[in-house]
Amino acid sequence: MAPVKDDRSLGDLFAELSRETSALVRQEVALAKTELSEKATRVGRNVGYVAMGGALAYAGVLTIIAAIVIILANAGMPSWASALLAGVVVLVTGYIFTQKGMATLGREQLAPTQTIDTMKENAQWAKGQMK
């Protein structure tokens, strides 16, 4: 196979390299933005779980405890004991919701891994072209 002859000057080759490098960088930035946006959406949803767990725990403290305290007190349990028991049950439920959201957030990887991998591949390709 005969080598391909390129009639472009060194200046033309460097200009093309500059244009292609600029285009590649712009594409990588766009990919990073897209990837980070998707991750931010997932994180936002999981923060919503944490907030929902907290809101449910708070609402539960305000409403369910009152009802349970009244029921237990009417059943013959001392008022302080019925309030304590109801409070513990509602707080444990709120804790479970909060932990679910926090665990999901803890597993979320925020780094734009796809972009990083692509940039590493591009760097390897560029090193191969320079040889």
Protein backbone atom coordinates (compact mmCIF):
# COMPACT_ATOMS: atom_id res chain seq x y z
CA MET A 1 0.00 0.00 0.00
CA ALA A 2 1.48 3.34 -1.06
CA PRO A 3 1.64 6.17 1.49
CA VAL A 4 -0.98 8.89 1.02
CA LYS A 5 0.50 12.23 -0.01
CA ASP A 6 -0.97 15.28 1.68
CA ASP A 7 -0.33 18.59 -0.12
CA ARG A 8 -1.38 20.75 2.81
CA SER A 9 1.20 22.96 4.42
CA LEU A 10 2.27 22.65 8.03
CA GLY A 11 0.35 25.84 8.80
CA ASP A 12 -2.82 24.37 7.28
CA LEU A 13 -2.40 21.20 9.30
CA PHE A 14 -1.97 23.16 12.54
CA ALA A 15 -5.00 25.32 11.71
CA GLU A 16 -7.09 22.19 11.13
CA LEU A 17 -5.77 20.66 14.36
CA SER A 18 -6.74 23.83 16.22
CA ARG A 19 -10.27 23.83 14.75
CA GLU A 20 -10.81 20.16 15.50
CA THR A 21 -9.42 20.53 19.02
CA SER A 22 -11.75 23.47 19.67
CA ALA A 23 -14.73 21.51 18.36
CA LEU A 24 -13.76 18.54 20.50
CA VAL A 25 -13.48 20.68 23.64
CA ARG A 26 -16.89 22.26 22.94
CA GLN A 27 -18.43 18.81 22.49
CA GLU A 28 -16.84 17.56 25.73
CA VAL A 29 -18.17 20.60 27.63
CA ALA A 30 -21.65 19.99 26.22
CA LEU A 31 -21.45 16.32 27.23
CA ALA A 32 -20.34 17.29 30.75
CA LYS A 33 -23.23 19.74 31.08
CA THR A 34 -25.73 17.12 29.97
CA GLU A 35 -24.31 14.48 32.28
CA LEU A 36 -24.23 16.83 35.28
CA SER A 37 -27.79 17.97 34.55
CA GLU A 38 -29.03 14.37 34.58
CA LYS A 39 -27.22 13.69 37.86
CA ALA A 40 -28.60 16.89 39.41
CA THR A 41 -32.12 15.77 38.49
CA ARG A 42 -31.62 12.44 40.28
CA VAL A 43 -30.08 14.15 43.32
CA GLY A 44 -33.00 16.60 43.43
CA ARG A 45 -35.47 13.73 43.45
CA ASN A 46 -33.62 12.06 46.33
CA VAL A 47 -33.49 15.30 48.28
CA GLY A 48 -37.25 15.30 47.84
CA TYR A 49 -37.37 11.89 49.55
CA VAL A 50 -35.39 13.27 52.47
CA ALA A 51 -37.70 16.29 52.72
CA MET A 52 -40.77 14.08 52.46
CA GLY A 53 -39.46 11.86 55.24
CA GLY A 54 -38.85 14.89 57.42
CA ALA A 55 -42.24 16.39 56.65
CA LEU A 56 -44.00 13.10 57.37
CA ALA A 57 -42.13 12.73 60.64
CA TYR A 58 -43.08 16.27 61.63
CA ALA A 59 -46.73 15.88 60.60
CA GLY A 60 -46.80 12.57 62.40
CA VAL A 61 -45.45 14.15 65.56
CA LEU A 62 -48.19 16.75 65.45
CA THR A 63 -51.20 14.59 64.58
CA ILE A 64 -50.70 10.91 65.17
CA ILE A 65 -49.13 11.34 68.58
CA ALA A 66 -52.09 13.31 69.77
CA ALA A 67 -54.53 10.64 68.63
CA ILE A 68 -52.49 7.74 69.98
CA VAL A 69 -51.90 9.49 73.30
CA ILE A 70 -55.63 10.00 73.71
CA ILE A 71 -56.42 6.38 72.78
CA LEU A 72 -53.79 4.94 75.13
CA ALA A 73 -54.76 7.27 77.96
CA ASN A 74 -58.43 6.25 77.58
CA ALA A 75 -57.32 2.60 77.66
CA GLY A 76 -55.90 3.11 81.16
CA MET A 77 -52.22 3.86 80.42
CA PRO A 78 -50.73 6.89 82.19
CA SER A 79 -50.75 9.96 79.92
CA TRP A 80 -46.96 10.37 80.01
CA ALA A 81 -46.39 6.73 79.02
CA SER A 82 -48.87 6.89 76.16
CA ALA A 83 -47.25 10.08 74.84
CA LEU A 84 -43.77 8.53 75.02
CA LEU A 85 -44.79 5.35 73.24
CA ALA A 86 -46.60 7.18 70.44
CA GLY A 87 -43.70 9.59 69.97
CA VAL A 88 -41.15 6.79 69.62
CA VAL A 89 -43.22 4.95 67.01
CA VAL A 90 -43.74 8.06 64.86
CA LEU A 91 -40.11 9.15 65.09
CA VAL A 92 -38.87 5.71 64.04
CA THR A 93 -41.14 5.87 60.98
CA GLY A 94 -39.77 9.31 60.06
CA TYR A 95 -36.23 8.07 60.60
CA ILE A 96 -36.80 5.19 58.16
CA PHE A 97 -37.97 7.57 55.42
CA THR A 98 -35.07 9.93 56.04
CA GLN A 99 -32.53 7.11 55.95
CA LYS A 100 -33.96 5.82 52.65
CA GLY A 101 -33.38 9.18 51.01
CA MET A 102 -29.92 9.61 52.56
CA ALA A 103 -28.83 6.12 51.50
CA THR A 104 -29.88 6.78 47.92
CA LEU A 105 -28.06 10.10 47.92
CA GLY A 106 -24.94 8.44 49.30
CA ARG A 107 -24.83 6.01 46.36
CA GLU A 108 -25.19 8.77 43.76
CA GLN A 109 -21.95 9.46 41.92
CA LEU A 110 -21.79 13.14 40.99
CA ALA A 111 -18.64 13.14 38.85
CA PRO A 112 -19.31 13.25 35.08
CA THR A 113 -17.71 9.82 34.54
CA GLN A 114 -18.73 9.48 30.90
CA THR A 115 -17.08 12.80 30.06
CA ILE A 116 -13.94 11.91 32.01
CA ASP A 117 -13.65 8.57 30.20
CA THR A 118 -14.13 10.23 26.81
CA MET A 119 -11.52 12.87 27.59
CA LYS A 120 -9.04 10.15 28.59
CA GLU A 121 -9.72 8.35 25.31
CA ASN A 122 -9.21 11.60 23.41
CA ALA A 123 -5.91 12.22 25.18
CA GLN A 124 -4.72 8.69 24.28
CA TRP A 125 -5.79 9.23 20.68
CA ALA A 126 -3.97 12.59 20.53
CA LYS A 127 -0.77 11.01 21.90
CA GLY A 128 -1.01 8.35 19.22
CA GLN A 129 -1.38 11.01 16.51
CA MET A 130 1.67 12.93 17.69
CA LYS A 131 4.00 9.94 17.25
